[in-house]
N, C-alpha and C. Protein backbone atom coordinates (compact mmCIF):
# COMPACT_ATOMS: atom_id res chain seq x y z
N MET A 1 2.58 -8.43 -6.20
CA MET A 1 3.99 -8.12 -6.04
C MET A 1 4.27 -8.03 -4.55
N ALA A 2 5.24 -8.74 -4.08
CA ALA A 2 5.60 -8.71 -2.68
C ALA A 2 6.43 -7.46 -2.39
N GLU A 3 6.27 -6.94 -1.20
CA GLU A 3 7.07 -5.78 -0.79
C GLU A 3 8.53 -6.21 -0.78
N LYS A 4 9.38 -5.47 -1.45
CA LYS A 4 10.77 -5.87 -1.63
C LYS A 4 11.67 -5.44 -0.49
N THR A 5 11.41 -4.31 0.12
CA THR A 5 12.30 -3.78 1.13
C THR A 5 11.71 -4.00 2.51
N LEU A 6 12.37 -4.81 3.29
CA LEU A 6 11.95 -5.04 4.66
C LEU A 6 13.05 -4.57 5.59
N THR A 7 12.67 -3.89 6.63
CA THR A 7 13.68 -3.45 7.58
C THR A 7 14.00 -4.56 8.57
N ASN A 8 13.11 -5.51 8.73
CA ASN A 8 13.33 -6.65 9.62
C ASN A 8 13.31 -7.90 8.75
N SER A 9 14.45 -8.53 8.57
CA SER A 9 14.55 -9.65 7.65
C SER A 9 13.76 -10.87 8.12
N SER A 10 13.28 -10.88 9.37
CA SER A 10 12.51 -12.02 9.85
C SER A 10 11.06 -11.98 9.36
N LEU A 11 10.62 -10.85 8.84
CA LEU A 11 9.25 -10.73 8.34
C LEU A 11 9.15 -11.30 6.94
N GLN A 12 8.05 -12.00 6.70
CA GLN A 12 7.76 -12.45 5.34
C GLN A 12 7.30 -11.24 4.54
N PRO A 13 7.56 -11.20 3.24
CA PRO A 13 7.09 -10.06 2.44
C PRO A 13 5.56 -9.96 2.48
N PHE A 14 5.08 -8.71 2.44
CA PHE A 14 3.64 -8.50 2.38
C PHE A 14 3.13 -9.08 1.06
N PRO A 15 2.07 -9.89 1.09
CA PRO A 15 1.61 -10.57 -0.13
C PRO A 15 0.73 -9.68 -1.02
N CYS A 16 1.32 -8.61 -1.51
CA CYS A 16 0.60 -7.70 -2.39
C CYS A 16 0.35 -8.37 -3.73
N ASN A 17 -0.88 -8.27 -4.25
CA ASN A 17 -1.17 -8.86 -5.55
C ASN A 17 -1.08 -7.84 -6.68
N GLY A 18 -0.72 -6.59 -6.35
CA GLY A 18 -0.52 -5.58 -7.38
C GLY A 18 -1.80 -5.05 -8.00
N CYS A 19 -2.91 -5.13 -7.29
CA CYS A 19 -4.19 -4.68 -7.86
C CYS A 19 -4.27 -3.16 -7.99
N GLY A 20 -3.51 -2.44 -7.14
CA GLY A 20 -3.50 -0.98 -7.20
C GLY A 20 -4.63 -0.30 -6.47
N LYS A 21 -5.50 -1.07 -5.80
CA LYS A 21 -6.64 -0.45 -5.13
C LYS A 21 -6.22 0.50 -4.01
N CYS A 22 -5.18 0.17 -3.28
CA CYS A 22 -4.73 1.08 -2.21
C CYS A 22 -4.25 2.40 -2.82
N CYS A 23 -3.58 2.33 -3.95
CA CYS A 23 -3.06 3.52 -4.61
C CYS A 23 -4.16 4.32 -5.33
N ALA A 24 -5.27 3.68 -5.58
CA ALA A 24 -6.39 4.35 -6.24
C ALA A 24 -7.38 4.93 -5.25
N ASN A 25 -7.04 4.84 -3.96
CA ASN A 25 -7.92 5.35 -2.91
C ASN A 25 -7.15 6.16 -1.88
N VAL A 26 -6.14 6.88 -2.31
CA VAL A 26 -5.31 7.65 -1.38
C VAL A 26 -6.09 8.78 -0.71
N HIS A 27 -7.20 9.17 -1.28
CA HIS A 27 -8.03 10.23 -0.71
C HIS A 27 -8.73 9.82 0.58
N LEU A 28 -8.73 8.53 0.89
CA LEU A 28 -9.46 8.03 2.06
C LEU A 28 -8.68 8.15 3.36
N SER A 29 -7.41 8.46 3.30
CA SER A 29 -6.58 8.54 4.50
C SER A 29 -5.85 9.88 4.58
N ASP A 30 -5.85 10.45 5.76
CA ASP A 30 -5.10 11.69 5.96
C ASP A 30 -3.61 11.48 5.68
N GLN A 31 -3.12 10.27 5.92
CA GLN A 31 -1.69 9.98 5.74
C GLN A 31 -1.28 9.90 4.27
N THR A 32 -2.22 9.63 3.39
CA THR A 32 -1.88 9.49 1.96
C THR A 32 -2.53 10.55 1.08
N ARG A 33 -3.35 11.37 1.67
CA ARG A 33 -4.09 12.37 0.88
C ARG A 33 -3.18 13.28 0.06
N THR A 34 -1.98 13.56 0.54
CA THR A 34 -1.05 14.44 -0.20
C THR A 34 -0.59 13.82 -1.51
N LEU A 35 -0.80 12.52 -1.69
CA LEU A 35 -0.40 11.84 -2.93
C LEU A 35 -1.49 11.92 -4.01
N ASP A 36 -2.65 12.42 -3.63
CA ASP A 36 -3.82 12.49 -4.52
C ASP A 36 -3.54 13.40 -5.71
N ARG A 37 -3.77 12.89 -6.90
CA ARG A 37 -3.58 13.70 -8.12
C ARG A 37 -4.81 14.55 -8.44
N GLY A 38 -5.83 14.45 -7.60
CA GLY A 38 -7.03 15.26 -7.77
C GLY A 38 -8.29 14.45 -7.91
N ASP A 39 -8.14 13.15 -8.14
CA ASP A 39 -9.31 12.28 -8.29
C ASP A 39 -9.28 11.09 -7.33
N GLY A 40 -8.45 11.18 -6.28
CA GLY A 40 -8.35 10.11 -5.31
C GLY A 40 -7.30 9.07 -5.63
N ILE A 41 -6.72 9.16 -6.82
CA ILE A 41 -5.70 8.21 -7.25
C ILE A 41 -4.32 8.83 -7.04
N CYS A 42 -3.39 8.01 -6.59
CA CYS A 42 -2.02 8.48 -6.34
C CYS A 42 -1.39 8.98 -7.64
N ARG A 43 -0.73 10.11 -7.55
CA ARG A 43 -0.10 10.71 -8.72
C ARG A 43 1.07 9.87 -9.25
N HIS A 44 1.54 8.90 -8.47
CA HIS A 44 2.65 8.06 -8.90
C HIS A 44 2.20 6.71 -9.47
N LEU A 45 0.91 6.47 -9.50
CA LEU A 45 0.39 5.20 -9.99
C LEU A 45 0.23 5.22 -11.50
N ASP A 46 0.82 4.25 -12.16
CA ASP A 46 0.58 4.04 -13.59
C ASP A 46 -0.71 3.21 -13.65
N THR A 47 -1.79 3.83 -14.09
CA THR A 47 -3.09 3.16 -14.05
C THR A 47 -3.22 2.06 -15.10
N ILE A 48 -2.35 2.02 -16.07
CA ILE A 48 -2.40 0.94 -17.07
C ILE A 48 -1.77 -0.34 -16.49
N SER A 49 -0.58 -0.20 -15.93
CA SER A 49 0.10 -1.37 -15.36
C SER A 49 -0.29 -1.62 -13.91
N ARG A 50 -0.92 -0.61 -13.28
CA ARG A 50 -1.28 -0.65 -11.86
C ARG A 50 -0.03 -0.73 -10.99
N GLN A 51 1.07 -0.21 -11.46
CA GLN A 51 2.33 -0.24 -10.73
C GLN A 51 2.76 1.16 -10.35
N CYS A 52 3.50 1.25 -9.25
CA CYS A 52 4.03 2.52 -8.79
C CYS A 52 5.19 2.93 -9.69
N GLN A 53 5.17 4.17 -10.13
CA GLN A 53 6.23 4.68 -10.99
C GLN A 53 7.48 5.06 -10.22
N ILE A 54 7.37 5.14 -8.89
CA ILE A 54 8.53 5.49 -8.05
C ILE A 54 8.73 4.45 -6.96
N TYR A 55 8.46 3.20 -7.24
CA TYR A 55 8.44 2.15 -6.23
C TYR A 55 9.68 2.16 -5.34
N GLU A 56 10.84 2.21 -5.90
CA GLU A 56 12.07 2.17 -5.10
C GLU A 56 12.23 3.42 -4.23
N GLU A 57 11.63 4.53 -4.63
CA GLU A 57 11.73 5.79 -3.88
C GLU A 57 10.39 6.19 -3.25
N ARG A 58 9.45 5.26 -3.15
CA ARG A 58 8.11 5.57 -2.65
C ARG A 58 8.19 6.10 -1.21
N PRO A 59 7.18 6.87 -0.81
CA PRO A 59 7.16 7.42 0.55
C PRO A 59 7.08 6.32 1.61
N ASP A 60 7.52 6.65 2.80
CA ASP A 60 7.49 5.68 3.90
C ASP A 60 6.09 5.14 4.17
N ILE A 61 5.06 5.96 3.99
CA ILE A 61 3.69 5.52 4.25
C ILE A 61 3.30 4.36 3.32
N CYS A 62 3.96 4.22 2.21
CA CYS A 62 3.68 3.16 1.25
C CYS A 62 4.50 1.90 1.50
N ARG A 63 5.31 1.91 2.50
CA ARG A 63 6.17 0.76 2.85
C ARG A 63 5.52 0.00 4.01
N VAL A 64 4.85 -1.08 3.68
CA VAL A 64 4.04 -1.82 4.64
C VAL A 64 4.86 -2.30 5.83
N ALA A 65 5.96 -2.95 5.60
CA ALA A 65 6.77 -3.49 6.70
C ALA A 65 7.30 -2.37 7.59
N LEU A 66 7.69 -1.28 7.00
CA LEU A 66 8.19 -0.14 7.77
C LEU A 66 7.09 0.43 8.66
N GLN A 67 5.89 0.58 8.12
CA GLN A 67 4.77 1.08 8.91
C GLN A 67 4.44 0.13 10.05
N PHE A 68 4.49 -1.17 9.77
CA PHE A 68 4.26 -2.16 10.82
C PHE A 68 5.27 -1.98 11.96
N GLU A 69 6.53 -1.92 11.61
CA GLU A 69 7.57 -1.83 12.63
C GLU A 69 7.51 -0.52 13.41
N ARG A 70 7.21 0.56 12.74
CA ARG A 70 7.17 1.87 13.41
C ARG A 70 5.93 2.09 14.27
N HIS A 71 4.79 1.56 13.81
CA HIS A 71 3.54 1.96 14.44
C HIS A 71 2.66 0.83 14.98
N TYR A 72 2.85 -0.39 14.52
CA TYR A 72 1.88 -1.43 14.86
C TYR A 72 2.45 -2.69 15.50
N ALA A 73 3.76 -2.84 15.54
CA ALA A 73 4.37 -4.06 16.06
C ALA A 73 4.04 -4.33 17.52
N ALA A 74 3.79 -3.29 18.29
CA ALA A 74 3.43 -3.47 19.70
C ALA A 74 1.98 -3.94 19.86
N GLN A 75 1.15 -3.73 18.84
CA GLN A 75 -0.27 -4.09 18.91
C GLN A 75 -0.59 -5.43 18.26
N PHE A 76 0.13 -5.74 17.18
CA PHE A 76 -0.20 -6.90 16.36
C PHE A 76 1.06 -7.71 16.03
N THR A 77 0.85 -8.99 15.76
CA THR A 77 1.92 -9.77 15.14
C THR A 77 1.93 -9.39 13.66
N TRP A 78 2.99 -9.72 12.95
CA TRP A 78 3.06 -9.45 11.52
C TRP A 78 1.90 -10.15 10.80
N ASP A 79 1.63 -11.39 11.15
CA ASP A 79 0.56 -12.13 10.48
C ASP A 79 -0.81 -11.47 10.72
N GLU A 80 -1.05 -11.00 11.93
CA GLU A 80 -2.31 -10.30 12.21
C GLU A 80 -2.39 -9.01 11.40
N PHE A 81 -1.29 -8.27 11.34
CA PHE A 81 -1.25 -7.02 10.59
C PHE A 81 -1.50 -7.27 9.11
N VAL A 82 -0.89 -8.30 8.57
CA VAL A 82 -1.10 -8.65 7.17
C VAL A 82 -2.57 -9.01 6.94
N SER A 83 -3.14 -9.82 7.81
CA SER A 83 -4.55 -10.21 7.66
C SER A 83 -5.48 -9.01 7.69
N LEU A 84 -5.24 -8.09 8.61
CA LEU A 84 -6.05 -6.87 8.68
C LEU A 84 -5.92 -6.05 7.39
N ASN A 85 -4.71 -5.89 6.92
CA ASN A 85 -4.49 -5.12 5.70
C ASN A 85 -5.13 -5.78 4.48
N LEU A 86 -5.02 -7.07 4.38
CA LEU A 86 -5.64 -7.77 3.25
C LEU A 86 -7.16 -7.65 3.30
N ALA A 87 -7.74 -7.69 4.49
CA ALA A 87 -9.19 -7.52 4.62
C ALA A 87 -9.62 -6.13 4.17
N ILE A 88 -8.82 -5.13 4.52
CA ILE A 88 -9.10 -3.76 4.08
C ILE A 88 -8.96 -3.65 2.57
N CYS A 89 -7.92 -4.26 2.02
CA CYS A 89 -7.70 -4.25 0.56
C CYS A 89 -8.94 -4.76 -0.17
N GLU A 90 -9.49 -5.86 0.33
CA GLU A 90 -10.65 -6.47 -0.32
C GLU A 90 -11.86 -5.53 -0.32
N GLN A 91 -11.96 -4.66 0.68
CA GLN A 91 -13.11 -3.76 0.79
C GLN A 91 -12.96 -2.48 -0.04
N LEU A 92 -11.75 -2.18 -0.46
CA LEU A 92 -11.54 -0.94 -1.24
C LEU A 92 -12.16 -1.08 -2.62
N PRO A 93 -12.77 -0.01 -3.10
CA PRO A 93 -13.32 -0.06 -4.46
C PRO A 93 -12.20 -0.04 -5.50
N ASP A 94 -12.41 -0.73 -6.59
CA ASP A 94 -11.46 -0.71 -7.70
C ASP A 94 -11.84 0.48 -8.59
N ARG A 95 -11.14 1.60 -8.39
CA ARG A 95 -11.48 2.85 -9.08
C ARG A 95 -10.66 3.08 -10.34
N ILE A 96 -9.84 2.12 -10.73
CA ILE A 96 -9.01 2.30 -11.92
C ILE A 96 -9.81 1.90 -13.14
N LYS A 97 -10.00 2.84 -14.01
CA LYS A 97 -10.77 2.62 -15.23
C LYS A 97 -9.93 1.84 -16.24
N GLN A 98 -10.49 0.77 -16.75
CA GLN A 98 -9.80 -0.02 -17.77
C GLN A 98 -10.07 0.61 -19.14
N LYS A 99 -9.04 0.65 -19.96
CA LYS A 99 -9.20 1.26 -21.30
C LYS A 99 -9.22 0.19 -22.36
């Protein structure tokens, strides 16, 4: 699922594939730890669909383009930032148990 809300319309949407791994590892970052439901998984993640239950109202930390513009645009191009994030995504463990 591509990020729907971009603050800079010149950016291409982040190519999220909806795997949910970032949301299943919120315990790994100080910035997302408050979203932890107690087992490292975000309390807003529907683990069956792997979708955010509050996507339209999700916290700013979950908005990739916004984080890029606020904190990383001076260091990286959008394409570099996307590549770095995708590489990190690939390394995250898939902690969502399939039923």
